[in-house]
Protein backbone atom coordinates (compact mmCIF):
# COMPACT_ATOMS: atom_id res chain seq x y z
CA MET A 1 114.66 71.51 14.89
CA THR A 2 117.16 74.31 14.41
CA SER A 3 120.79 73.58 13.56
CA ARG A 4 122.17 76.88 14.84
CA ILE A 5 122.67 78.07 18.40
CA LEU A 6 119.67 80.00 19.68
CA SER A 7 120.46 83.11 21.71
CA VAL A 8 118.33 83.53 24.83
CA VAL A 9 118.27 86.66 27.01
CA ILE A 10 116.89 85.95 30.47
CA ILE A 11 115.56 89.03 32.28
CA VAL A 12 114.98 89.05 36.04
CA ASN A 13 114.43 91.72 38.72
CA GLU A 14 117.67 90.95 40.59
CA LEU A 15 119.84 87.98 41.48
CA LEU A 16 119.10 87.67 45.19
CA ARG A 17 118.79 84.09 46.42
CA GLY A 18 115.24 83.05 45.60
CA GLY A 19 113.26 80.43 43.72
CA ALA A 20 113.23 82.25 40.37
CA GLN A 21 116.96 82.91 40.56
CA ARG A 22 117.67 79.25 41.34
CA ILE A 23 115.76 78.21 38.20
CA ILE A 24 117.94 80.60 36.19
CA LEU A 25 121.14 79.29 37.77
CA ASN A 26 120.19 75.68 37.07
CA LEU A 27 119.31 76.48 33.45
CA ALA A 28 122.62 78.28 33.00
CA ARG A 29 124.55 75.32 34.39
CA ASP A 30 122.81 72.46 32.65
CA ILE A 31 121.30 73.67 29.37
CA ASP A 32 122.81 72.25 26.18
CA LYS A 33 125.46 74.85 25.27
CA GLY A 34 125.64 73.40 21.78
CA LYS A 35 122.06 74.53 21.15
CA PHE A 36 121.55 77.58 23.34
CA SER A 37 123.54 80.67 24.31
CA ILE A 38 122.31 82.27 27.53
CA THR A 39 122.73 85.88 28.71
CA VAL A 40 121.23 86.95 32.04
CA VAL A 41 120.16 90.56 32.50
CA TYR A 42 119.10 91.82 35.92
CA LEU A 43 117.40 95.18 36.34
CA LYS A 44 117.86 96.37 39.92
CA SER A 45 121.28 97.15 41.32
CA HIS A 46 122.13 94.96 44.29
CA LYS A 47 123.16 98.15 46.11
CA ASN A 48 119.42 98.67 46.69
CA PHE A 49 119.25 95.69 49.04
CA GLY A 50 122.02 96.39 51.54
CA PRO A 51 125.30 94.62 52.32
CA ASP A 52 123.65 91.55 53.88
CA ALA A 53 121.66 90.56 50.78
CA ALA A 54 123.18 87.39 49.28
CA THR A 55 123.17 87.07 45.50
CA LEU A 56 123.76 84.32 42.97
CA GLU A 57 125.72 86.55 40.58
CA ASP A 58 129.12 84.98 41.22
CA GLU A 59 127.71 81.45 40.85
CA LEU A 60 126.07 82.44 37.58
CA ARG A 61 129.29 83.89 36.21
CA GLN A 62 131.11 80.69 37.14
CA THR A 63 128.88 78.81 34.68
CA GLY A 64 130.53 80.81 31.88
CA ILE A 65 127.45 82.76 30.83
CA ARG A 66 127.27 86.54 30.41
CA VAL A 67 125.64 88.49 33.24
CA ILE A 68 124.62 92.11 32.65
CA SER A 69 123.32 94.57 35.25
CA LEU A 70 121.22 97.57 34.22
CA GLU A 71 121.96 99.14 37.64
CA GLY A 72 118.35 100.20 38.12
CA ALA A 73 116.83 101.77 41.22
CA GLN A 74 114.59 100.02 43.75
CA ARG A 75 111.48 101.33 41.97
CA PHE A 76 110.76 101.38 38.24
CA THR A 77 111.66 104.44 36.20
CA PRO A 78 111.12 105.00 32.45
CA THR A 79 114.90 104.96 32.09
CA ASP A 80 114.90 101.25 32.97
CA LEU A 81 112.61 100.51 30.04
CA LEU A 82 114.70 102.60 27.63
CA LYS A 83 117.91 100.87 28.75
CA LEU A 84 116.32 97.49 28.24
CA ILE A 85 115.04 98.36 24.77
CA ARG A 86 118.50 99.56 23.72
CA LEU A 87 120.14 96.43 25.11
CA LEU A 88 117.75 94.09 23.30
CA ARG A 89 118.18 95.98 20.03
CA ASN A 90 121.94 95.54 20.35
CA GLU A 91 121.80 91.89 21.43
CA LYS A 92 119.16 90.81 18.87
CA PRO A 93 118.27 87.62 20.78
CA ASP A 94 116.11 84.88 19.31
CA ILE A 95 114.20 84.55 22.59
CA VAL A 96 113.56 86.76 25.60
CA HIS A 97 112.74 84.81 28.76
CA THR A 98 111.43 86.81 31.73
CA PHE A 99 111.09 85.97 35.43
CA LEU A 100 109.09 87.83 38.12
CA PRO A 101 106.46 90.55 37.48
CA TYR A 102 108.64 93.68 37.39
CA ALA A 103 111.04 92.12 34.88
CA GLY A 104 108.15 90.39 33.13
CA THR A 105 106.18 93.58 32.53
CA LEU A 106 109.20 95.60 31.40
CA GLY A 107 110.80 92.70 29.55
CA ARG A 108 107.75 91.85 27.46
CA ILE A 109 107.13 95.48 26.49
CA ALA A 110 110.82 96.09 25.68
CA ALA A 111 111.09 92.84 23.70
CA ARG A 112 108.06 93.71 21.57
CA ILE A 113 109.37 97.22 20.87
CA ALA A 114 112.85 95.85 20.09
CA GLY A 115 111.39 93.29 17.67
CA VAL A 116 112.49 90.14 19.51
CA PRO A 117 110.93 87.19 17.62
CA ARG A 118 109.83 85.11 20.63
CA ILE A 119 108.98 85.90 24.25
CA VAL A 120 108.36 83.45 27.09
CA SER A 121 107.56 84.40 30.69
CA VAL A 122 107.76 82.42 33.90
CA GLN A 123 105.16 83.27 36.53
CA CYS A 124 106.85 82.64 39.87
CA ASN A 125 104.21 83.46 42.49
CA VAL A 126 100.47 83.52 43.04
CA ARG A 127 98.53 86.73 43.59
CA VAL A 128 98.98 86.71 47.37
CA ALA A 129 102.67 87.57 46.86
CA TYR A 130 102.03 90.88 45.09
CA ASP A 131 100.28 94.18 45.61
CA PHE A 132 97.29 95.07 43.44
CA TRP A 133 99.04 97.11 40.74
CA ARG A 134 102.06 94.87 40.35
CA TYR A 135 99.85 91.81 39.90
CA TRP A 136 97.49 93.38 37.40
CA LEU A 137 100.21 95.07 35.33
CA ASP A 138 101.97 91.75 35.11
CA ARG A 139 98.78 89.93 34.19
CA ALA A 140 97.69 92.54 31.62
CA THR A 141 101.02 92.43 29.78
CA LEU A 142 101.25 88.63 29.85
CA ILE A 143 99.38 88.64 26.53
CA LEU A 144 102.59 90.00 24.94
CA ALA A 145 104.34 86.68 25.58
CA HIS A 146 104.18 83.92 22.99
CA ALA A 147 104.01 81.38 25.81
CA TRP A 148 104.08 81.47 29.58
CA ILE A 149 105.02 79.01 32.30
CA GLY A 150 103.93 78.46 35.88
CA ALA A 151 106.89 77.59 38.11
CA THR A 152 104.45 75.42 40.07
CA GLU A 153 101.17 73.78 39.16
CA GLY A 154 99.33 76.13 41.50
CA ILE A 155 100.68 79.22 39.75
CA GLU A 156 99.55 77.96 36.34
CA LEU A 157 96.12 77.18 37.79
CA GLU A 158 95.72 80.69 39.18
CA TYR A 159 96.85 82.47 36.02
CA GLY A 160 95.44 80.06 33.43
CA GLY A 161 92.60 78.16 35.08
CA SER A 162 94.03 74.70 34.32
CA VAL A 163 97.20 72.66 34.72
CA ALA A 164 99.30 70.77 32.17
CA HIS A 165 102.99 69.95 32.36
CA PHE A 166 104.85 71.00 29.21
CA SER A 167 104.98 68.46 26.40
CA LYS A 168 105.42 68.72 22.66
CA GLU A 169 102.06 66.99 22.24
CA GLU A 170 100.27 69.70 24.23
CA TRP A 171 102.17 72.39 22.34
CA ASN A 172 101.18 70.92 18.98
CA ARG A 173 97.55 70.91 20.16
CA GLY A 174 97.79 74.68 20.55
CA ARG A 175 98.24 75.10 24.31
CA ARG A 176 100.44 78.08 25.19
CA HIS A 177 100.66 77.99 28.98
CA PHE A 178 102.13 75.14 30.98
CA SER A 179 103.64 74.07 34.28
CA ILE A 180 107.39 73.46 34.36
CA PRO A 181 108.04 72.96 38.09
CA SER A 182 111.34 74.13 39.46
CA GLY A 183 113.60 71.08 39.36
CA VAL A 184 116.13 70.00 41.95
CA ASN A 185 119.52 68.42 41.41
CA MET A 186 119.08 65.16 43.29
CA GLU A 187 122.65 64.08 42.58
CA ALA A 188 124.09 67.28 44.05
CA ILE A 189 121.86 66.95 47.12
CA ALA A 190 122.87 63.31 47.60
CA GLU A 191 126.56 64.17 47.22
CA SER A 192 126.27 67.03 49.73
CA LEU A 193 124.52 64.79 52.25
CA ALA A 194 127.09 62.01 51.77
CA GLN A 195 129.91 64.43 52.58
CA LEU A 196 128.14 66.06 55.52
CA ASP A 197 129.29 65.53 59.07
CA ARG A 198 125.80 65.82 60.53
CA SER A 199 126.87 65.97 64.17
CA LYS A 200 129.40 68.70 63.41
CA LYS A 201 126.80 70.75 61.51
CA ARG A 202 124.34 70.46 64.38
CA ARG A 203 127.03 71.57 66.83
CA GLU A 204 127.80 74.52 64.54
CA LEU A 205 124.13 75.47 64.70
CA GLU A 206 124.13 74.90 68.48
CA VAL A 207 121.42 72.26 68.36
CA PRO A 208 121.44 70.55 71.77
CA SER A 209 122.66 66.94 71.73
CA ASP A 210 119.15 65.74 72.62
CA GLY A 211 117.43 68.44 70.56
CA VAL A 212 115.05 68.18 67.61
CA MET A 213 115.82 70.48 64.68
CA ILE A 214 112.90 71.87 62.67
CA LEU A 215 113.88 73.71 59.47
CA MET A 216 111.95 76.09 57.24
CA THR A 217 113.45 77.88 54.23
CA ALA A 218 111.54 80.93 53.03
CA ARG A 219 111.76 84.69 52.78
CA LEU A 220 110.58 86.45 55.92
CA ILE A 221 107.35 87.78 54.44
CA ARG A 222 103.89 87.60 55.95
CA TRP A 223 102.16 85.06 53.76
CA LYS A 224 104.92 82.48 54.20
CA GLY A 225 103.51 81.40 57.57
CA HIS A 226 106.45 82.15 59.88
CA HIS A 227 104.12 83.48 62.57
CA ASP A 228 102.16 80.23 62.61
CA LEU A 229 105.33 78.14 62.92
CA LEU A 230 106.58 80.35 65.74
CA ARG A 231 103.29 80.04 67.60
CA ALA A 232 103.31 76.27 66.98
CA LEU A 233 106.68 76.12 68.74
CA VAL A 234 104.97 77.08 72.01
CA HIS A 235 103.04 73.78 71.91
CA LEU A 236 106.08 71.62 71.20
CA PRO A 237 108.49 70.05 73.72
CA ASP A 238 111.37 72.15 75.05
CA SER A 239 113.78 69.94 73.10
CA VAL A 240 112.42 71.29 69.79
CA HIS A 241 114.30 74.13 68.09
CA VAL A 242 113.07 75.94 64.98
CA PHE A 243 115.58 77.25 62.43
CA CYS A 244 114.43 79.56 59.63
CA ALA A 245 116.73 80.20 56.67
CA GLY A 246 115.85 83.30 54.68
CA TRP A 247 115.86 87.09 54.82
CA GLY A 248 113.10 89.68 54.71
CA PRO A 249 111.28 92.57 56.38
CA LEU A 250 109.70 90.56 59.20
CA ARG A 251 112.93 89.67 60.99
CA GLU A 252 112.60 92.08 63.94
CA GLU A 253 108.86 91.45 64.24
CA LEU A 254 109.43 87.70 64.47
CA LEU A 255 112.21 88.08 67.02
CA ALA A 256 109.94 90.31 69.12
CA LEU A 257 107.15 87.73 68.96
CA ALA A 258 109.58 84.99 70.00
CA ARG A 259 110.49 87.06 73.08
CA GLU A 260 106.81 87.66 73.82
CA LEU A 261 106.08 83.92 73.56
CA ARG A 262 109.19 83.12 75.65
CA VAL A 263 110.73 80.83 73.05
CA SER A 264 113.66 83.03 71.96
CA ASP A 265 116.15 80.40 73.07
CA ARG A 266 114.52 77.86 70.72
CA TYR A 267 113.87 80.11 67.72
CA HIS A 268 116.75 80.85 65.33
CA LEU A 269 116.71 83.12 62.27
CA LEU A 270 119.67 82.19 60.08
CA GLY A 271 119.36 84.86 57.38
CA ALA A 272 120.23 84.16 53.74
CA ARG A 273 122.26 80.96 53.47
CA SER A 274 124.31 79.20 50.82
CA ASP A 275 124.44 75.88 52.72
CA ILE A 276 120.79 74.83 52.37
CA TYR A 277 121.63 71.21 51.52
CA GLU A 278 123.74 70.94 54.67
CA LEU A 279 120.94 72.46 56.74
CA LEU A 280 118.55 69.88 55.30
CA GLY A 281 120.99 67.13 56.19
CA ALA A 282 121.11 68.39 59.78
CA ALA A 283 117.32 68.76 60.17
CA ASP A 284 114.96 66.22 61.70
CA VAL A 285 111.77 67.65 60.19
CA TYR A 286 111.17 70.19 57.43
CA VAL A 287 108.16 72.53 57.64
CA GLN A 288 106.64 74.68 54.90
CA ALA A 289 103.97 76.88 56.43
CA HIS A 290 101.69 79.20 54.44
CA SER A 291 99.29 81.83 55.78
CA ALA A 292 96.12 83.04 54.09
CA ALA A 293 96.05 86.72 53.20
CA PRO A 294 92.98 88.92 53.81
CA GLY A 295 90.25 87.65 51.52
CA GLY A 296 91.44 84.07 51.91
CA ARG A 297 94.08 84.10 49.16
CA ILE A 298 96.89 81.65 49.79
CA TRP A 299 99.82 79.98 48.07
CA ASN A 300 98.93 77.08 45.75
CA GLY A 301 100.91 73.89 45.25
CA PRO A 302 104.44 72.80 46.25
CA ASN A 303 107.26 75.34 46.26
CA ALA A 304 110.93 74.86 45.42
CA SER A 305 112.14 74.78 49.01
CA GLN A 306 109.83 71.94 49.99
CA VAL A 307 110.74 70.01 46.85
CA GLU A 308 114.41 70.29 47.90
CA ALA A 309 113.55 69.09 51.41
CA CYS A 310 111.73 66.06 50.03
CA ALA A 311 114.62 65.38 47.63
CA ALA A 312 116.89 65.24 50.67
CA GLY A 313 114.57 62.69 52.28
CA VAL A 314 113.71 64.95 55.23
CA PRO A 315 110.28 64.14 56.72
CA SER A 316 108.14 67.02 55.53
CA VAL A 317 105.16 68.91 56.97
CA SER A 318 103.16 71.40 54.93
CA THR A 319 100.05 73.43 55.40
CA SER A 320 97.24 72.04 53.26
CA VAL A 321 97.07 74.43 50.33
CA PRO A 322 95.44 73.77 46.93
CA LEU A 323 97.44 71.34 44.75
CA ILE A 324 99.96 70.51 47.47
CA GLU A 325 99.05 66.87 46.78
CA TYR A 326 101.30 66.97 43.71
CA LEU A 327 104.12 66.61 46.26
CA ILE A 328 102.76 66.09 49.78
CA GLU A 329 99.99 63.55 50.32
CA ASP A 330 99.01 63.25 53.95
CA GLY A 331 100.35 60.02 55.42
CA ILE A 332 101.97 58.99 52.11
CA THR A 333 104.75 61.47 51.32
CA GLY A 334 104.44 63.78 54.34
CA LYS A 335 102.02 65.31 56.82
CA LEU A 336 99.54 68.14 56.30
CA ALA A 337 98.24 70.81 58.68
CA GLU A 338 95.53 73.42 58.36
CA PRO A 339 96.55 76.95 57.26
CA ASN A 340 96.52 79.72 59.89
CA ASP A 341 96.26 77.08 62.62
CA PRO A 342 99.37 76.82 64.86
CA SER A 343 97.83 73.99 66.90
CA SER A 344 97.26 71.89 63.78
CA LEU A 345 100.81 72.64 62.63
CA SER A 346 102.28 71.68 66.00
CA ALA A 347 100.27 68.42 66.00
CA ALA A 348 101.66 67.44 62.60
CA ILE A 349 105.21 68.24 63.68
CA LYS A 350 104.79 66.36 66.97
CA TRP A 351 103.50 63.30 65.10
CA MET A 352 106.71 63.30 63.07
CA ILE A 353 108.81 63.57 66.23
CA ASP A 354 106.87 60.84 68.08
CA HIS A 355 106.90 58.39 65.14
CA PRO A 356 110.50 58.43 63.84
CA LYS A 357 110.28 55.17 61.84
CA GLU A 358 107.06 56.20 60.09
CA ALA A 359 108.47 59.69 59.53
CA SER A 360 111.58 58.21 57.91
CA SER A 361 109.36 56.17 55.58
CA LEU A 362 107.43 59.31 54.62
CA GLY A 363 110.73 61.05 53.90
CA LYS A 364 111.82 58.24 51.58
CA ALA A 365 108.45 58.30 49.80
CA GLY A 366 108.76 62.07 49.37
CA ARG A 367 112.17 61.62 47.79
CA GLU A 368 110.73 59.14 45.28
CA ARG A 369 107.94 61.58 44.44
CA VAL A 370 110.56 64.20 43.61
CA ARG A 371 112.42 61.69 41.47
CA GLU A 372 109.21 61.07 39.51
CA ARG A 373 108.15 64.68 38.97
CA TYR A 374 110.65 67.34 40.01
CA THR A 375 114.17 66.54 38.85
CA LEU A 376 116.49 69.17 37.44
CA GLU A 377 117.02 67.08 34.30
CA ARG A 378 113.27 67.01 33.63
CA MET A 379 112.99 70.80 34.11
CA VAL A 380 115.92 71.64 31.82
CA ASN A 381 114.72 69.23 29.12
CA GLN A 382 111.28 70.82 29.17
CA TYR A 383 112.72 74.34 28.82
CA GLU A 384 114.93 73.18 25.94
CA ASP A 385 111.91 71.66 24.19
CA LEU A 386 109.93 74.85 24.81
CA TYR A 387 112.67 77.06 23.33
CA LEU A 388 112.83 74.86 20.22
CA SER A 389 109.02 74.90 19.90
CA LEU A 390 108.60 78.69 20.06
């Protein structure tokens, strides 16, 4: 146990609103400032993403930590690596902590060249999320880290072949990769829901008074399953409206498909949002769909958005992906549907709508599962223990 404050430099691609960035924000807010000093470095200038891209930079700065931008371009250049090496040589951190493959690859190489004593990387997605070269460069340089973390159990399984949540006992046995699932602040969610005027929020969203609100939070990218949810909407009653919070390249394609399927009036793309807890409080059912990529690759395990939905007690539907049972067990903490199967997805959603009492019970059970396994306090404590173990 060290008696001095350990300096940690966190390196990430950018600070757009995403799962990795939320982990960083929560660490910055809640980590023990008497033991750790955090600096966040992001590589890509937010000018690369257009005026509509929402970032967490202001919220990070409000925690009192330093935030540094390297003002990099959309694509990697050797200059980015040189800037990062110079920065780390000047900062002389005790630990470099990387998130996402671009920052992970550059961060690990730069940290080794700069002589940083300890490097830890968080793997935030499974292979289906990345192109061939990005995935393999990330994987090949992962050996430069002294330890690495899967942000979900499924990610650790894909990269490491087994799953173990971080513990000092496992560390002392010699294990150097672990799962530290993204934690949620249950108190903040409960406070937000207690203050929410649900009827007013639903009016703001233009949910009909007799309507059913289905919510999904995810970037608009192909393997997230938006197409399946949109096609499932065709098989649901006219009172059902689907709301998708998130931004991404598929926006116009999804809107065109909604017009083709004649459900445009019941399909709503909300873009990047900062009121996710309020949206959860307004929703009747939460859906997390996943689509298999060519070759059958698919997301593994729960993701942060569905953990938040369960923490809010919203009855939750998920496609049945490997390791999803850590959070969603069919008929116990939620309902499962088959991947790439809009009819199966619509059946699971309709069951929730047709059985409101049972759905409410599943929502409560999902909230207790989060309390057992996915709290923010548990996540931060595990990262603190990991930093002190390195």
